[in-house]
Amino acid sequence: MYPLELVKPMENELLQSGFTPLTDEQEVNDVLTNQKGTALLMVNSVCGCAAANARPGVRMALSKSNKTPDKLYTVFAGVDREATAKAREFLAPYPPSSPSIALFKDGEIVHMIERYQIEGRSADIVAANLKMAFDQYC
């Protein structure tokens, strides 16, 4: 488990953009079971690609898109272990990956960005990928 003072600024980046943190298994289950409309779930991480590419990319996509998901959620890998494990059940068949970003529509994953699609790519590329998904599904 990471120290709270280390991860709080990383979590705040998403909270300031309207994300709701899911910190336990029940919260994840409540919001993703029978989910209606669109929801974006980001599995946050302390790694460099989350800091440089994923979080800024998500924030850029949300600020530059005409269409955005109805709900925004985040779990923090290595911090909210139970919540992250439960979220990963909903992300199947995709393997565990952090960071990762999933777009759900009516409870089904319609778009997924895994770590290998974040690592080594710019925040602009992540944002463009998400913006296309928002335009198609939101």
N, C-alpha and C. Protein backbone atom coordinates (compact mmCIF):
# COMPACT_ATOMS: atom_id res chain seq x y z
N MET A 1 0.84 -1.17 0.00
CA MET A 1 0.00 0.00 0.00
C MET A 1 0.89 1.24 0.00
N TYR A 2 0.51 2.19 -0.84
CA TYR A 2 1.29 3.42 -0.94
C TYR A 2 0.86 4.42 0.14
N PRO A 3 1.78 5.25 0.61
CA PRO A 3 1.41 6.27 1.60
C PRO A 3 0.40 7.26 1.02
N LEU A 4 -0.58 7.62 1.84
CA LEU A 4 -1.64 8.53 1.41
C LEU A 4 -1.10 9.85 0.89
N GLU A 5 -0.08 10.39 1.55
CA GLU A 5 0.47 11.68 1.12
C GLU A 5 1.12 11.60 -0.26
N LEU A 6 1.53 10.41 -0.67
CA LEU A 6 2.10 10.21 -2.00
C LEU A 6 1.00 10.17 -3.07
N VAL A 7 -0.08 9.45 -2.79
CA VAL A 7 -1.09 9.22 -3.82
C VAL A 7 -2.19 10.28 -3.87
N LYS A 8 -2.37 11.03 -2.81
CA LYS A 8 -3.47 12.02 -2.78
C LYS A 8 -3.39 13.01 -3.94
N PRO A 9 -2.24 13.60 -4.25
CA PRO A 9 -2.19 14.51 -5.41
C PRO A 9 -2.54 13.80 -6.73
N MET A 10 -2.17 12.53 -6.85
CA MET A 10 -2.47 11.78 -8.07
C MET A 10 -3.97 11.51 -8.17
N GLU A 11 -4.58 11.23 -7.05
CA GLU A 11 -6.03 11.02 -7.02
C GLU A 11 -6.76 12.33 -7.30
N ASN A 12 -6.27 13.41 -6.71
CA ASN A 12 -6.91 14.72 -6.87
C ASN A 12 -6.96 15.18 -8.32
N GLU A 13 -5.98 14.79 -9.13
CA GLU A 13 -6.01 15.16 -10.55
C GLU A 13 -7.31 14.71 -11.19
N LEU A 14 -7.76 13.51 -10.84
CA LEU A 14 -9.00 13.00 -11.41
C LEU A 14 -10.23 13.55 -10.69
N LEU A 15 -10.15 13.69 -9.37
CA LEU A 15 -11.29 14.20 -8.62
C LEU A 15 -11.65 15.61 -9.07
N GLN A 16 -10.64 16.42 -9.39
CA GLN A 16 -10.87 17.79 -9.85
C GLN A 16 -11.54 17.81 -11.23
N SER A 17 -11.48 16.70 -11.93
CA SER A 17 -12.13 16.60 -13.24
C SER A 17 -13.49 15.92 -13.15
N GLY A 18 -13.97 15.69 -11.93
CA GLY A 18 -15.31 15.15 -11.76
C GLY A 18 -15.41 13.66 -11.50
N PHE A 19 -14.28 12.99 -11.33
CA PHE A 19 -14.30 11.56 -11.06
C PHE A 19 -14.75 11.29 -9.63
N THR A 20 -15.47 10.21 -9.45
CA THR A 20 -15.86 9.72 -8.14
C THR A 20 -14.95 8.56 -7.79
N PRO A 21 -14.28 8.62 -6.64
CA PRO A 21 -13.42 7.50 -6.26
C PRO A 21 -14.24 6.34 -5.72
N LEU A 22 -13.88 5.15 -6.13
CA LEU A 22 -14.50 3.93 -5.61
C LEU A 22 -13.44 3.25 -4.76
N THR A 23 -13.71 3.13 -3.48
CA THR A 23 -12.66 2.69 -2.56
C THR A 23 -12.89 1.32 -1.95
N ASP A 24 -14.04 0.72 -2.23
CA ASP A 24 -14.24 -0.64 -1.73
C ASP A 24 -15.06 -1.45 -2.73
N GLU A 25 -15.08 -2.73 -2.49
CA GLU A 25 -15.72 -3.68 -3.40
C GLU A 25 -17.20 -3.37 -3.60
N GLN A 26 -17.89 -3.01 -2.54
CA GLN A 26 -19.33 -2.75 -2.62
C GLN A 26 -19.63 -1.53 -3.49
N GLU A 27 -18.83 -0.48 -3.37
CA GLU A 27 -19.04 0.71 -4.21
C GLU A 27 -18.90 0.36 -5.68
N VAL A 28 -17.87 -0.40 -6.02
CA VAL A 28 -17.67 -0.81 -7.41
C VAL A 28 -18.86 -1.62 -7.90
N ASN A 29 -19.26 -2.57 -7.09
CA ASN A 29 -20.39 -3.42 -7.46
C ASN A 29 -21.66 -2.59 -7.66
N ASP A 30 -21.90 -1.65 -6.75
CA ASP A 30 -23.11 -0.83 -6.82
C ASP A 30 -23.17 0.01 -8.10
N VAL A 31 -22.05 0.59 -8.51
CA VAL A 31 -22.10 1.49 -9.67
C VAL A 31 -21.96 0.77 -11.01
N LEU A 32 -21.34 -0.40 -11.03
CA LEU A 32 -21.13 -1.08 -12.31
C LEU A 32 -22.13 -2.20 -12.59
N THR A 33 -22.83 -2.66 -11.59
CA THR A 33 -23.87 -3.67 -11.81
C THR A 33 -25.12 -2.95 -12.31
N ASN A 34 -25.66 -3.43 -13.40
CA ASN A 34 -26.86 -2.85 -14.00
C ASN A 34 -26.69 -1.37 -14.33
N GLN A 35 -25.48 -0.98 -14.70
CA GLN A 35 -25.15 0.41 -15.03
C GLN A 35 -25.89 0.82 -16.30
N LYS A 36 -26.51 1.97 -16.26
CA LYS A 36 -27.23 2.52 -17.42
C LYS A 36 -26.50 3.76 -17.92
N GLY A 37 -26.57 4.00 -19.22
CA GLY A 37 -25.88 5.14 -19.80
C GLY A 37 -24.41 4.82 -19.97
N THR A 38 -23.58 5.85 -19.97
CA THR A 38 -22.15 5.65 -20.17
C THR A 38 -21.38 5.98 -18.90
N ALA A 39 -20.32 5.23 -18.70
CA ALA A 39 -19.46 5.45 -17.53
C ALA A 39 -18.02 5.19 -17.93
N LEU A 40 -17.14 6.07 -17.48
CA LEU A 40 -15.71 5.91 -17.71
C LEU A 40 -15.09 5.48 -16.39
N LEU A 41 -14.31 4.41 -16.43
CA LEU A 41 -13.61 3.92 -15.25
C LEU A 41 -12.13 3.95 -15.53
N MET A 42 -11.39 4.69 -14.70
CA MET A 42 -9.94 4.70 -14.82
C MET A 42 -9.34 3.96 -13.65
N VAL A 43 -8.49 2.98 -13.96
CA VAL A 43 -7.68 2.33 -12.95
C VAL A 43 -6.41 3.18 -12.85
N ASN A 44 -6.32 3.95 -11.79
CA ASN A 44 -5.23 4.89 -11.59
C ASN A 44 -4.01 4.15 -11.05
N SER A 45 -2.85 4.77 -11.18
CA SER A 45 -1.60 4.14 -10.78
C SER A 45 -0.58 5.21 -10.44
N VAL A 46 0.45 4.80 -9.68
CA VAL A 46 1.52 5.73 -9.33
C VAL A 46 2.62 5.77 -10.39
N CYS A 47 2.53 4.95 -11.40
CA CYS A 47 3.60 4.85 -12.38
C CYS A 47 3.73 6.12 -13.24
N GLY A 48 4.85 6.23 -13.89
CA GLY A 48 5.12 7.39 -14.72
C GLY A 48 4.18 7.54 -15.89
N CYS A 49 3.74 6.43 -16.48
CA CYS A 49 2.84 6.56 -17.64
C CYS A 49 1.46 7.02 -17.22
N ALA A 50 1.07 6.77 -15.97
CA ALA A 50 -0.20 7.32 -15.47
C ALA A 50 -0.06 8.83 -15.30
N ALA A 51 1.08 9.24 -14.76
CA ALA A 51 1.32 10.66 -14.49
C ALA A 51 1.49 11.47 -15.77
N ALA A 52 2.24 10.94 -16.72
CA ALA A 52 2.57 11.70 -17.93
C ALA A 52 1.55 11.55 -19.04
N ASN A 53 0.87 10.40 -19.10
CA ASN A 53 0.04 10.11 -20.27
C ASN A 53 -1.43 9.86 -19.94
N ALA A 54 -1.70 8.98 -18.98
CA ALA A 54 -3.08 8.57 -18.73
C ALA A 54 -3.93 9.66 -18.09
N ARG A 55 -3.53 10.14 -16.92
CA ARG A 55 -4.35 11.16 -16.26
C ARG A 55 -4.47 12.43 -17.09
N PRO A 56 -3.36 12.97 -17.62
CA PRO A 56 -3.51 14.16 -18.47
C PRO A 56 -4.34 13.88 -19.73
N GLY A 57 -4.19 12.70 -20.31
CA GLY A 57 -4.95 12.34 -21.50
C GLY A 57 -6.45 12.28 -21.23
N VAL A 58 -6.81 11.69 -20.11
CA VAL A 58 -8.22 11.61 -19.74
C VAL A 58 -8.78 13.01 -19.51
N ARG A 59 -8.05 13.82 -18.78
CA ARG A 59 -8.52 15.17 -18.48
C ARG A 59 -8.66 15.99 -19.77
N MET A 60 -7.70 15.84 -20.69
CA MET A 60 -7.76 16.55 -21.97
C MET A 60 -8.99 16.11 -22.77
N ALA A 61 -9.22 14.80 -22.83
CA ALA A 61 -10.36 14.28 -23.59
C ALA A 61 -11.66 14.82 -23.04
N LEU A 62 -11.79 14.86 -21.73
CA LEU A 62 -13.02 15.36 -21.12
C LEU A 62 -13.22 16.85 -21.39
N SER A 63 -12.15 17.60 -21.39
CA SER A 63 -12.28 19.05 -21.58
C SER A 63 -12.46 19.44 -23.04
N LYS A 64 -12.02 18.59 -23.97
CA LYS A 64 -12.07 18.95 -25.39
C LYS A 64 -13.18 18.25 -26.17
N SER A 65 -13.95 17.41 -25.50
CA SER A 65 -14.99 16.64 -26.19
C SER A 65 -16.35 17.28 -26.04
N ASN A 66 -17.12 17.23 -27.11
CA ASN A 66 -18.50 17.70 -27.04
C ASN A 66 -19.38 16.68 -26.33
N LYS A 67 -19.03 15.42 -26.46
CA LYS A 67 -19.76 14.34 -25.81
C LYS A 67 -18.83 13.72 -24.77
N THR A 68 -19.36 13.51 -23.58
CA THR A 68 -18.57 12.88 -22.52
C THR A 68 -19.44 11.85 -21.79
N PRO A 69 -18.81 10.93 -21.08
CA PRO A 69 -19.59 9.92 -20.35
C PRO A 69 -20.48 10.55 -19.28
N ASP A 70 -21.56 9.84 -18.98
CA ASP A 70 -22.49 10.29 -17.95
C ASP A 70 -21.86 10.28 -16.57
N LYS A 71 -21.05 9.28 -16.31
CA LYS A 71 -20.43 9.10 -14.99
C LYS A 71 -18.93 8.87 -15.16
N LEU A 72 -18.16 9.32 -14.18
CA LEU A 72 -16.71 9.15 -14.17
C LEU A 72 -16.32 8.51 -12.83
N TYR A 73 -15.62 7.38 -12.91
CA TYR A 73 -15.20 6.66 -11.71
C TYR A 73 -13.72 6.34 -11.78
N THR A 74 -13.12 6.16 -10.61
CA THR A 74 -11.73 5.75 -10.56
C THR A 74 -11.50 4.83 -9.37
N VAL A 75 -10.63 3.86 -9.58
CA VAL A 75 -10.07 3.04 -8.51
C VAL A 75 -8.56 3.24 -8.59
N PHE A 76 -7.89 3.07 -7.46
CA PHE A 76 -6.45 3.31 -7.42
C PHE A 76 -5.73 2.00 -7.12
N ALA A 77 -5.06 1.47 -8.14
CA ALA A 77 -4.30 0.23 -7.97
C ALA A 77 -3.20 0.44 -6.94
N GLY A 78 -3.04 -0.52 -6.05
CA GLY A 78 -2.03 -0.41 -5.01
C GLY A 78 -2.48 0.39 -3.81
N VAL A 79 -3.67 0.96 -3.88
CA VAL A 79 -4.22 1.71 -2.76
C VAL A 79 -5.57 1.11 -2.36
N ASP A 80 -6.50 1.13 -3.30
CA ASP A 80 -7.84 0.58 -3.07
C ASP A 80 -7.87 -0.85 -3.61
N ARG A 81 -7.20 -1.75 -2.92
CA ARG A 81 -6.99 -3.11 -3.44
C ARG A 81 -8.29 -3.86 -3.71
N GLU A 82 -9.21 -3.84 -2.75
CA GLU A 82 -10.47 -4.56 -2.93
C GLU A 82 -11.28 -3.96 -4.08
N ALA A 83 -11.33 -2.64 -4.13
CA ALA A 83 -12.08 -1.97 -5.19
C ALA A 83 -11.45 -2.26 -6.56
N THR A 84 -10.14 -2.25 -6.61
CA THR A 84 -9.45 -2.52 -7.88
C THR A 84 -9.69 -3.96 -8.32
N ALA A 85 -9.62 -4.90 -7.39
CA ALA A 85 -9.86 -6.30 -7.73
C ALA A 85 -11.29 -6.49 -8.25
N LYS A 86 -12.25 -5.85 -7.61
CA LYS A 86 -13.64 -5.97 -8.06
C LYS A 86 -13.81 -5.31 -9.42
N ALA A 87 -13.21 -4.14 -9.62
CA ALA A 87 -13.31 -3.47 -10.92
C ALA A 87 -12.74 -4.35 -12.03
N ARG A 88 -11.66 -5.04 -11.73
CA ARG A 88 -11.04 -5.90 -12.75
C ARG A 88 -11.94 -7.07 -13.13
N GLU A 89 -12.84 -7.47 -12.26
CA GLU A 89 -13.82 -8.48 -12.63
C GLU A 89 -14.73 -7.94 -13.74
N PHE A 90 -15.10 -6.68 -13.64
CA PHE A 90 -15.95 -6.05 -14.65
C PHE A 90 -15.17 -5.77 -15.94
N LEU A 91 -13.85 -5.73 -15.86
CA LEU A 91 -13.02 -5.45 -17.02
C LEU A 91 -12.65 -6.69 -17.82
N ALA A 92 -13.01 -7.85 -17.32
CA ALA A 92 -12.74 -9.10 -18.05
C ALA A 92 -13.44 -9.03 -19.40
N PRO A 93 -12.84 -9.51 -20.44
CA PRO A 93 -11.71 -10.44 -20.51
C PRO A 93 -10.34 -9.76 -20.58
N TYR A 94 -10.30 -8.46 -20.40
CA TYR A 94 -9.01 -7.77 -20.44
C TYR A 94 -8.19 -8.14 -19.21
N PRO A 95 -6.90 -8.37 -19.39
CA PRO A 95 -6.06 -8.73 -18.24
C PRO A 95 -5.85 -7.52 -17.32
N PRO A 96 -5.52 -7.77 -16.05
CA PRO A 96 -5.24 -6.66 -15.14
C PRO A 96 -4.17 -5.74 -15.72
N SER A 97 -4.44 -4.45 -15.66
CA SER A 97 -3.56 -3.47 -16.26
C SER A 97 -3.75 -2.16 -15.52
N SER A 98 -2.65 -1.58 -15.08
CA SER A 98 -2.76 -0.25 -14.47
C SER A 98 -1.57 0.59 -14.93
N PRO A 99 -1.88 1.76 -15.43
CA PRO A 99 -3.22 2.31 -15.56
C PRO A 99 -3.98 1.67 -16.71
N SER A 100 -5.27 1.84 -16.67
CA SER A 100 -6.13 1.46 -17.78
C SER A 100 -7.40 2.31 -17.72
N ILE A 101 -8.09 2.37 -18.84
CA ILE A 101 -9.28 3.23 -18.95
C ILE A 101 -10.33 2.45 -19.72
N ALA A 102 -11.51 2.31 -19.12
CA ALA A 102 -12.59 1.57 -19.76
C ALA A 102 -13.82 2.45 -19.89
N LEU A 103 -14.45 2.39 -21.04
CA LEU A 103 -15.72 3.07 -21.27
C LEU A 103 -16.81 2.01 -21.32
N PHE A 104 -17.80 2.18 -20.46
CA PHE A 104 -18.95 1.27 -20.42
C PHE A 104 -20.16 1.97 -21.00
N LYS A 105 -21.01 1.19 -21.65
CA LYS A 105 -22.31 1.68 -22.08
C LYS A 105 -23.34 0.63 -21.71
N ASP A 106 -24.28 1.03 -20.89
CA ASP A 106 -25.31 0.13 -20.39
C ASP A 106 -24.71 -1.16 -19.84
N GLY A 107 -23.63 -1.00 -19.08
CA GLY A 107 -23.03 -2.12 -18.38
C GLY A 107 -22.04 -2.96 -19.17
N GLU A 108 -21.83 -2.64 -20.42
CA GLU A 108 -20.90 -3.40 -21.27
C GLU A 108 -19.69 -2.55 -21.62
N ILE A 109 -18.52 -3.16 -21.62
CA ILE A 109 -17.33 -2.43 -22.07
C ILE A 109 -17.42 -2.24 -23.58
N VAL A 110 -17.35 -0.98 -23.99
CA VAL A 110 -17.39 -0.69 -25.42
C VAL A 110 -16.05 -0.17 -25.93
N HIS A 111 -15.16 0.24 -24.99
CA HIS A 111 -13.85 0.73 -25.39
C HIS A 111 -12.90 0.54 -24.22
N MET A 112 -11.70 0.06 -24.52
CA MET A 112 -10.73 -0.21 -23.46
C MET A 112 -9.35 0.27 -23.91
N ILE A 113 -8.68 0.96 -23.01
CA ILE A 113 -7.29 1.36 -23.25
C ILE A 113 -6.46 0.72 -22.15
N GLU A 114 -5.58 -0.18 -22.56
CA GLU A 114 -4.73 -0.89 -21.60
C GLU A 114 -3.39 -0.17 -21.46
N ARG A 115 -2.64 -0.58 -20.46
CA ARG A 115 -1.35 0.06 -20.18
C ARG A 115 -0.46 0.09 -21.42
N TYR A 116 -0.41 -1.00 -22.17
CA TYR A 116 0.49 -1.02 -23.33
C TYR A 116 0.08 0.02 -24.38
N GLN A 117 -1.17 0.49 -24.32
CA GLN A 117 -1.63 1.53 -25.24
C GLN A 117 -1.43 2.94 -24.67
N ILE A 118 -0.96 2.99 -23.43
CA ILE A 118 -0.69 4.27 -22.75
C ILE A 118 0.80 4.51 -22.68
N GLU A 119 1.52 3.49 -22.27
CA GLU A 119 2.96 3.57 -22.08
C GLU A 119 3.65 3.94 -23.39
N GLY A 120 4.47 4.97 -23.35
CA GLY A 120 5.22 5.38 -24.53
C GLY A 120 4.43 6.22 -25.51
N ARG A 121 3.19 6.54 -25.17
CA ARG A 121 2.38 7.40 -26.03
C ARG A 121 2.13 8.71 -25.28
N SER A 122 1.90 9.75 -26.01
CA SER A 122 1.69 11.05 -25.37
C SER A 122 0.26 11.16 -24.82
N ALA A 123 0.07 12.12 -23.94
CA ALA A 123 -1.26 12.41 -23.42
C ALA A 123 -2.20 12.81 -24.55
N ASP A 124 -1.66 13.48 -25.57
CA ASP A 124 -2.48 13.87 -26.73
C ASP A 124 -3.04 12.65 -27.45
N ILE A 125 -2.23 11.61 -27.59
CA ILE A 125 -2.68 10.39 -28.27
C ILE A 125 -3.75 9.69 -27.43
N VAL A 126 -3.54 9.60 -26.12
CA VAL A 126 -4.53 9.01 -25.23
C VAL A 126 -5.83 9.81 -25.32
N ALA A 127 -5.73 11.12 -25.30
CA ALA A 127 -6.92 11.98 -25.39
C ALA A 127 -7.66 11.78 -26.71
N ALA A 128 -6.93 11.71 -27.80
CA ALA A 128 -7.55 11.51 -29.11
C ALA A 128 -8.28 10.17 -29.17
N ASN A 129 -7.67 9.14 -28.62
CA ASN A 129 -8.28 7.81 -28.57
C ASN A 129 -9.60 7.88 -27.80
N LEU A 130 -9.58 8.50 -26.64
CA LEU A 130 -10.79 8.61 -25.83
C LEU A 130 -11.84 9.49 -26.49
N LYS A 131 -11.42 10.57 -27.09
CA LYS A 131 -12.37 11.48 -27.74
C LYS A 131 -13.14 10.75 -28.85
N MET A 132 -12.43 9.91 -29.62
CA MET A 132 -13.13 9.12 -30.66
C MET A 132 -14.15 8.19 -30.03
N ALA A 133 -13.79 7.57 -28.90
CA ALA A 133 -14.72 6.67 -28.23
C ALA A 133 -15.92 7.45 -27.68
N PHE A 134 -15.67 8.63 -27.11
CA PHE A 134 -16.77 9.45 -26.59
C PHE A 134 -17.70 9.82 -27.72
N ASP A 135 -17.15 10.24 -28.85
CA ASP A 135 -17.97 10.63 -29.99
C ASP A 135 -18.85 9.48 -30.48
N GLN A 136 -18.30 8.28 -30.42
CA GLN A 136 -19.05 7.11 -30.91
C GLN A 136 -20.09 6.60 -29.92
N TYR A 137 -19.78 6.61 -28.63
CA TYR A 137 -20.62 5.92 -27.66
C TYR A 137 -21.40 6.81 -26.69
N CYS A 138 -20.99 8.06 -26.57
CA CYS A 138 -21.65 8.93 -25.56
C CYS A 138 -22.75 9.79 -26.18
